[in-house]
C-alpha atoms as a PDB file:
ATOM      1  CA  MET A   1     145.461  79.295  89.385  1.00  0.00           C
ATOM      2  CA  VAL A   2     149.219  79.689  88.915  1.00  0.00           C
ATOM      3  CA  LEU A   3     150.915  83.054  89.032  1.00  0.00           C
ATOM      4  CA  ALA A   4     152.849  83.976  85.925  1.00  0.00           C
ATOM      5  CA  ARG A   5     156.421  85.182  86.336  1.00  0.00           C
ATOM      6  CA  SER A   6     158.584  86.851  83.774  1.00  0.00           C
ATOM      7  CA  VAL A   7     161.833  85.057  83.142  1.00  0.00           C
ATOM      8  CA  ALA A   8     164.972  86.554  81.644  1.00  0.00           C
ATOM      9  CA  TYR A   9     166.550  84.404  78.977  1.00  0.00           C
ATOM     10  CA  SER A  10     170.278  84.368  78.397  1.00  0.00           C
ATOM     11  CA  GLN A  11     170.189  82.499  75.130  1.00  0.00           C
ATOM     12  CA  ILE A  12     167.926  80.541  72.830  1.00  0.00           C
ATOM     13  CA  ARG A  13     169.342  77.261  71.626  1.00  0.00           C
ATOM     14  CA  PRO A  14     168.776  76.151  68.047  1.00  0.00           C
ATOM     15  CA  ASP A  15     166.277  73.603  69.379  1.00  0.00           C
ATOM     16  CA  THR A  16     164.314  76.602  70.793  1.00  0.00           C
ATOM     17  CA  THR A  17     164.980  75.584  74.400  1.00  0.00           C
ATOM     18  CA  ALA A  18     165.323  78.695  76.551  1.00  0.00           C
ATOM     19  CA  ILE A  19     167.926  78.905  79.312  1.00  0.00           C
ATOM     20  CA  ALA A  20     166.664  80.925  82.285  1.00  0.00           C
ATOM     21  CA  ILE A  21     169.026  83.090  84.306  1.00  0.00           C
ATOM     22  CA  ASN A  22     168.565  84.676  87.692  1.00  0.00           C
ATOM     23  CA  GLU A  23     165.918  82.164  88.720  1.00  0.00           C
ATOM     24  CA  HIS A  24     165.364  82.284  92.468  1.00  0.00           C
ATOM     25  CA  ASP A  25     165.509  78.964  94.314  1.00  0.00           C
ATOM     26  CA  GLY A  26     162.748  79.485  96.870  1.00  0.00           C
ATOM     27  CA  THR A  27     163.382  76.314  98.851  1.00  0.00           C
ATOM     28  CA  HIS A  28     164.119  78.302 102.012  1.00  0.00           C
ATOM     29  CA  ASP A  29     161.736  81.235 101.552  1.00  0.00           C
ATOM     30  CA  PHE A  30     159.815  80.343 104.726  1.00  0.00           C
ATOM     31  CA  ASP A  31     162.873  79.731 106.933  1.00  0.00           C
ATOM     32  CA  PHE A  32     162.366  83.185 108.481  1.00  0.00           C
ATOM     33  CA  GLU A  33     159.164  81.913 110.087  1.00  0.00           C
ATOM     34  CA  LEU A  34     160.440  78.778 111.820  1.00  0.00           C
ATOM     35  CA  GLY A  35     159.682  78.909 115.537  1.00  0.00           C
ATOM     36  CA  THR A  36     156.888  80.113 117.795  1.00  0.00           C
ATOM     37  CA  TRP A  37     155.067  83.421 117.404  1.00  0.00           C
ATOM     38  CA  THR A  38     152.491  85.508 119.233  1.00  0.00           C
ATOM     39  CA  THR A  39     149.648  86.082 116.766  1.00  0.00           C
ATOM     40  CA  SER A  40     147.196  88.976 116.640  1.00  0.00           C
ATOM     41  CA  LEU A  41     144.483  88.182 114.127  1.00  0.00           C
ATOM     42  CA  LYS A  42     141.395  89.945 112.881  1.00  0.00           C
ATOM     43  CA  ARG A  43     138.981  88.581 110.338  1.00  0.00           C
ATOM     44  CA  LEU A  44     135.984  89.998 108.553  1.00  0.00           C
ATOM     45  CA  ARG A  45     132.937  88.161 109.869  1.00  0.00           C
ATOM     46  CA  HIS A  46     130.975  88.235 106.554  1.00  0.00           C
ATOM     47  CA  PRO A  47     133.265  88.683 103.510  1.00  0.00           C
ATOM     48  CA  LEU A  48     131.920  90.053 100.224  1.00  0.00           C
ATOM     49  CA  THR A  49     128.708  91.381 101.782  1.00  0.00           C
ATOM     50  CA  GLY A  50     129.733  94.998 102.364  1.00  0.00           C
ATOM     51  CA  SER A  51     130.051  94.253 106.082  1.00  0.00           C
ATOM     52  CA  ALA A  52     132.637  96.050 108.198  1.00  0.00           C
ATOM     53  CA  ASP A  53     132.166  93.713 111.176  1.00  0.00           C
ATOM     54  CA  TRP A  54     135.625  92.493 112.231  1.00  0.00           C
ATOM     55  CA  VAL A  55     136.377  90.005 115.012  1.00  0.00           C
ATOM     56  CA  GLU A  56     139.711  89.828 116.798  1.00  0.00           C
ATOM     57  CA  TYR A  57     141.715  86.894 118.102  1.00  0.00           C
ATOM     58  CA  SER A  58     145.053  86.361 119.812  1.00  0.00           C
ATOM     59  CA  GLY A  59     147.181  83.322 120.455  1.00  0.00           C
ATOM     60  CA  THR A  60     150.154  81.540 118.943  1.00  0.00           C
ATOM     61  CA  THR A  61     151.506  80.254 115.676  1.00  0.00           C
ATOM     62  CA  THR A  62     154.133  77.510 115.562  1.00  0.00           C
ATOM     63  CA  VAL A  63     156.049  76.750 112.353  1.00  0.00           C
ATOM     64  CA  ARG A  64     158.121  73.579 111.883  1.00  0.00           C
ATOM     65  CA  LYS A  65     160.362  72.525 109.052  1.00  0.00           C
ATOM     66  CA  VAL A  66     159.375  69.406 107.115  1.00  0.00           C
ATOM     67  CA  TRP A  67     161.357  67.607 104.377  1.00  0.00           C
ATOM     68  CA  ASN A  68     164.538  69.536 105.195  1.00  0.00           C
ATOM     69  CA  GLY A  69     162.866  72.882 104.477  1.00  0.00           C
ATOM     70  CA  ARG A  70     161.108  71.969 101.232  1.00  0.00           C
ATOM     71  CA  ALA A  71     157.887  72.031 103.236  1.00  0.00           C
ATOM     72  CA  ASN A  72     156.702  73.383 106.560  1.00  0.00           C
ATOM     73  CA  LEU A  73     153.784  72.917 108.889  1.00  0.00           C
ATOM     74  CA  VAL A  74     152.063  75.905 110.495  1.00  0.00           C
ATOM     75  CA  GLU A  75     149.836  75.456 113.551  1.00  0.00           C
ATOM     76  CA  LEU A  76     147.563  78.390 114.452  1.00  0.00           C
ATOM     77  CA  ASP A  77     145.804  78.465 117.829  1.00  0.00           C
ATOM     78  CA  VAL A  78     143.919  81.698 118.582  1.00  0.00           C
ATOM     79  CA  THR A  79     140.928  82.719 120.711  1.00  0.00           C
ATOM     80  CA  GLY A  80     138.686  85.765 120.489  1.00  0.00           C
ATOM     81  CA  THR A  81     135.213  87.121 121.020  1.00  0.00           C
ATOM     82  CA  ALA A  82     133.888  84.967 118.161  1.00  0.00           C
ATOM     83  CA  GLY A  83     135.391  81.749 119.548  1.00  0.00           C
ATOM     84  CA  HIS A  84     138.456  79.626 119.005  1.00  0.00           C
ATOM     85  CA  ILE A  85     140.339  78.872 115.787  1.00  0.00           C
ATOM     86  CA  GLU A  86     142.641  75.877 115.492  1.00  0.00           C
ATOM     87  CA  ALA A  87     144.081  75.578 112.020  1.00  0.00           C
ATOM     88  CA  LEU A  88     147.079  74.357 110.150  1.00  0.00           C
ATOM     89  CA  SER A  89     148.739  75.125 106.881  1.00  0.00           C
ATOM     90  CA  LEU A  90     150.935  72.663 105.044  1.00  0.00           C
ATOM     91  CA  ARG A  91     153.218  74.618 102.727  1.00  0.00           C
ATOM     92  CA  LEU A  92     154.879  72.621  99.960  1.00  0.00           C
ATOM     93  CA  TYR A  93     157.684  73.779  97.649  1.00  0.00           C
ATOM     94  CA  ASN A  94     157.683  72.659  94.010  1.00  0.00           C
ATOM     95  CA  PRO A  95     161.306  72.854  92.753  1.00  0.00           C
ATOM     96  CA  GLU A  96     160.235  72.565  89.121  1.00  0.00           C
ATOM     97  CA  SER A  97     157.890  75.577  89.130  1.00  0.00           C
ATOM     98  CA  ARG A  98     159.795  77.276  91.987  1.00  0.00           C
ATOM     99  CA  GLN A  99     156.478  77.974  93.655  1.00  0.00           C
ATOM    100  CA  TRP A 100     154.899  77.220  96.990  1.00  0.00           C
ATOM    101  CA  SER A 101     151.409  75.854  97.566  1.00  0.00           C
ATOM    102  CA  LEU A 102     149.742  76.885 100.817  1.00  0.00           C
ATOM    103  CA  ASN A 103     147.225  74.262 101.927  1.00  0.00           C
ATOM    104  CA  PHE A 104     144.950  75.357 104.788  1.00  0.00           C
ATOM    105  CA  SER A 105     142.738  73.311 107.099  1.00  0.00           C
ATOM    106  CA  SER A 106     140.794  74.048 110.257  1.00  0.00           C
ATOM    107  CA  VAL A 107     139.704  71.675 112.987  1.00  0.00           C
ATOM    108  CA  SER A 108     136.091  72.433 112.073  1.00  0.00           C
ATOM    109  CA  SER A 109     136.476  71.340 108.422  1.00  0.00           C
ATOM    110  CA  GLY A 110     138.913  68.441 108.768  1.00  0.00           C
ATOM    111  CA  THR A 111     139.894  68.782 105.108  1.00  0.00           C
ATOM    112  CA  MET A 112     142.496  70.748 103.178  1.00  0.00           C
ATOM    113  CA  SER A 113     141.275  73.760 101.238  1.00  0.00           C
ATOM    114  CA  GLN A 114     142.140  74.572  97.644  1.00  0.00           C
ATOM    115  CA  PRO A 115     145.826  75.624  97.793  1.00  0.00           C
ATOM    116  CA  THR A 116     146.931  79.155  97.053  1.00  0.00           C
ATOM    117  CA  VAL A 117     150.019  79.058  94.841  1.00  0.00           C
ATOM    118  CA  GLY A 118     152.798  81.596  94.396  1.00  0.00           C
ATOM    119  CA  ARG A 119     156.264  82.720  95.370  1.00  0.00           C
ATOM    120  CA  PHE A 120     158.338  85.328  97.118  1.00  0.00           C
ATOM    121  CA  THR A 121     159.704  88.292  95.176  1.00  0.00           C
ATOM    122  CA  ASP A 122     161.757  91.038  96.812  1.00  0.00           C
ATOM    123  CA  GLY A 123     160.851  89.881 100.322  1.00  0.00           C
ATOM    124  CA  ARG A 124     157.103  89.684  99.700  1.00  0.00           C
ATOM    125  CA  GLY A 125     155.108  86.495  99.151  1.00  0.00           C
ATOM    126  CA  GLU A 126     152.008  86.499  96.975  1.00  0.00           C
ATOM    127  CA  PHE A 127     149.796  83.450  96.532  1.00  0.00           C
ATOM    128  CA  ILE A 128     146.552  83.184  94.528  1.00  0.00           C
ATOM    129  CA  ASP A 129     143.872  80.641  93.752  1.00  0.00           C
ATOM    130  CA  GLN A 130     140.326  80.405  92.466  1.00  0.00           C
ATOM    131  CA  GLU A 131     137.600  79.060  94.772  1.00  0.00           C
ATOM    132  CA  THR A 132     133.864  78.882  95.209  1.00  0.00           C
ATOM    133  CA  PHE A 133     132.529  81.090  98.006  1.00  0.00           C
ATOM    134  CA  ASN A 134     128.811  81.248  98.791  1.00  0.00           C
ATOM    135  CA  GLY A 135     128.060  79.742  95.381  1.00  0.00           C
ATOM    136  CA  ARG A 136     130.224  82.243  93.462  1.00  0.00           C
ATOM    137  CA  ILE A 137     133.605  81.795  91.807  1.00  0.00           C
ATOM    138  CA  ILE A 138     136.108  84.153  93.437  1.00  0.00           C
ATOM    139  CA  LEU A 139     139.843  84.774  93.528  1.00  0.00           C
ATOM    140  CA  VAL A 140     141.691  84.415  96.826  1.00  0.00           C
ATOM    141  CA  ARG A 141     144.967  86.253  97.396  1.00  0.00           C
ATOM    142  CA  PHE A 142     147.280  85.692 100.355  1.00  0.00           C
ATOM    143  CA  ILE A 143     150.158  88.111 100.940  1.00  0.00           C
ATOM    144  CA  ILE A 144     153.074  87.794 103.360  1.00  0.00           C
ATOM    145  CA  SER A 145     154.935  91.062 103.912  1.00  0.00           C
ATOM    146  CA  GLU A 146     156.780  93.281 106.390  1.00  0.00           C
ATOM    147  CA  ILE A 147     159.119  90.389 107.154  1.00  0.00           C
ATOM    148  CA  THR A 148     161.796  90.984 109.778  1.00  0.00           C
ATOM    149  CA  VAL A 149     163.707  88.634 112.062  1.00  0.00           C
ATOM    150  CA  ASP A 150     161.079  89.051 114.769  1.00  0.00           C
ATOM    151  CA  SER A 151     157.840  89.981 112.981  1.00  0.00           C
ATOM    152  CA  CYS A 152     155.757  89.454 109.849  1.00  0.00           C
ATOM    153  CA  HIS A 153     152.359  90.377 108.411  1.00  0.00           C
ATOM    154  CA  PHE A 154     149.754  88.200 106.664  1.00  0.00           C
ATOM    155  CA  GLU A 155     146.771  89.365 104.687  1.00  0.00           C
ATOM    156  CA  GLN A 156     144.071  87.473 102.814  1.00  0.00           C
ATOM    157  CA  ALA A 157     141.683  89.140 100.364  1.00  0.00           C
ATOM    158  CA  PHE A 158     138.812  88.006  98.134  1.00  0.00           C
ATOM    159  CA  SER A 159     137.855  89.318  94.698  1.00  0.00           C
ATOM    160  CA  ASP A 160     134.553  88.575  93.010  1.00  0.00           C
ATOM    161  CA  ASP A 161     135.372  90.707  89.944  1.00  0.00           C
ATOM    162  CA  ASN A 162     138.349  88.718  88.608  1.00  0.00           C
ATOM    163  CA  GLY A 163     140.968  90.719  90.530  1.00  0.00           C
ATOM    164  CA  LYS A 164     139.865  94.262  89.639  1.00  0.00           C
ATOM    165  CA  THR A 165     139.145  94.953  93.312  1.00  0.00           C
ATOM    166  CA  TRP A 166     140.055  93.085  96.477  1.00  0.00           C
ATOM    167  CA  GLU A 167     138.378  92.960  99.884  1.00  0.00           C
ATOM    168  CA  VAL A 168     140.759  92.157 102.745  1.00  0.00           C
ATOM    169  CA  ASN A 169     139.140  89.696 105.164  1.00  0.00           C
ATOM    170  CA  TRP A 170     141.974  88.223 107.265  1.00  0.00           C
ATOM    171  CA  VAL A 171     144.875  90.185 108.774  1.00  0.00           C
ATOM    172  CA  ALA A 172     147.464  88.680 111.104  1.00  0.00           C
ATOM    173  CA  SER A 173     150.570  90.138 112.684  1.00  0.00           C
ATOM    174  CA  ASP A 174     153.077  87.758 114.234  1.00  0.00           C
ATOM    175  CA  THR A 175     155.819  88.586 116.733  1.00  0.00           C
ATOM    176  CA  ARG A 176     158.508  86.012 117.490  1.00  0.00           C
ATOM    177  CA  ILE A 177     158.537  84.552 120.984  1.00  0.00           C
ATOM    178  CA  LYS A 178     162.129  84.696 122.172  1.00  0.00           C
ATOM    179  CA  SER A 179     163.449  81.454 123.582  1.00  0.00           C
ATOM    180  CA  LYS A 180     164.570  81.685 127.186  1.00  0.00           C
ATOM    181  CA  GLY A 181     168.133  80.794 127.689  1.00  0.00           C
END
């Protein structure tokens, strides 16, 4: 699923080609996150069941630039009462659509998930896709917010009613690890 974005048009040519103005080049939207972070994570153990059973993890996230910033690789390594999570996200920028795709994989699956796709607007990233979860078609939304030089917030939510309501099931807060020197 691709997020729609309104575009302001400065003129319409006789051949009906629209010229967009004020388009944001998002190539470097994730530059804020390059480096190593302490990660506090909690996830809902059984999403979309009415459960309120959360499990907590802590560890690190490392983000590296790939393709001169047009992509980046995120490595998550956290441990908690429910075990250990090793995961990665390959984020790819599409200059034509000016959108990012976030492609997630865990050590346990060994495959990339369906990418969430979206962009940053006013310092907030929103990414959405449609997936199958427990035999049902759902929407998945991933939001990146509260971005500062030394911290950021991530939140994933599921919707099984086509986006009318959302259930948050993954919340992470990252704090930058200062380099010694």
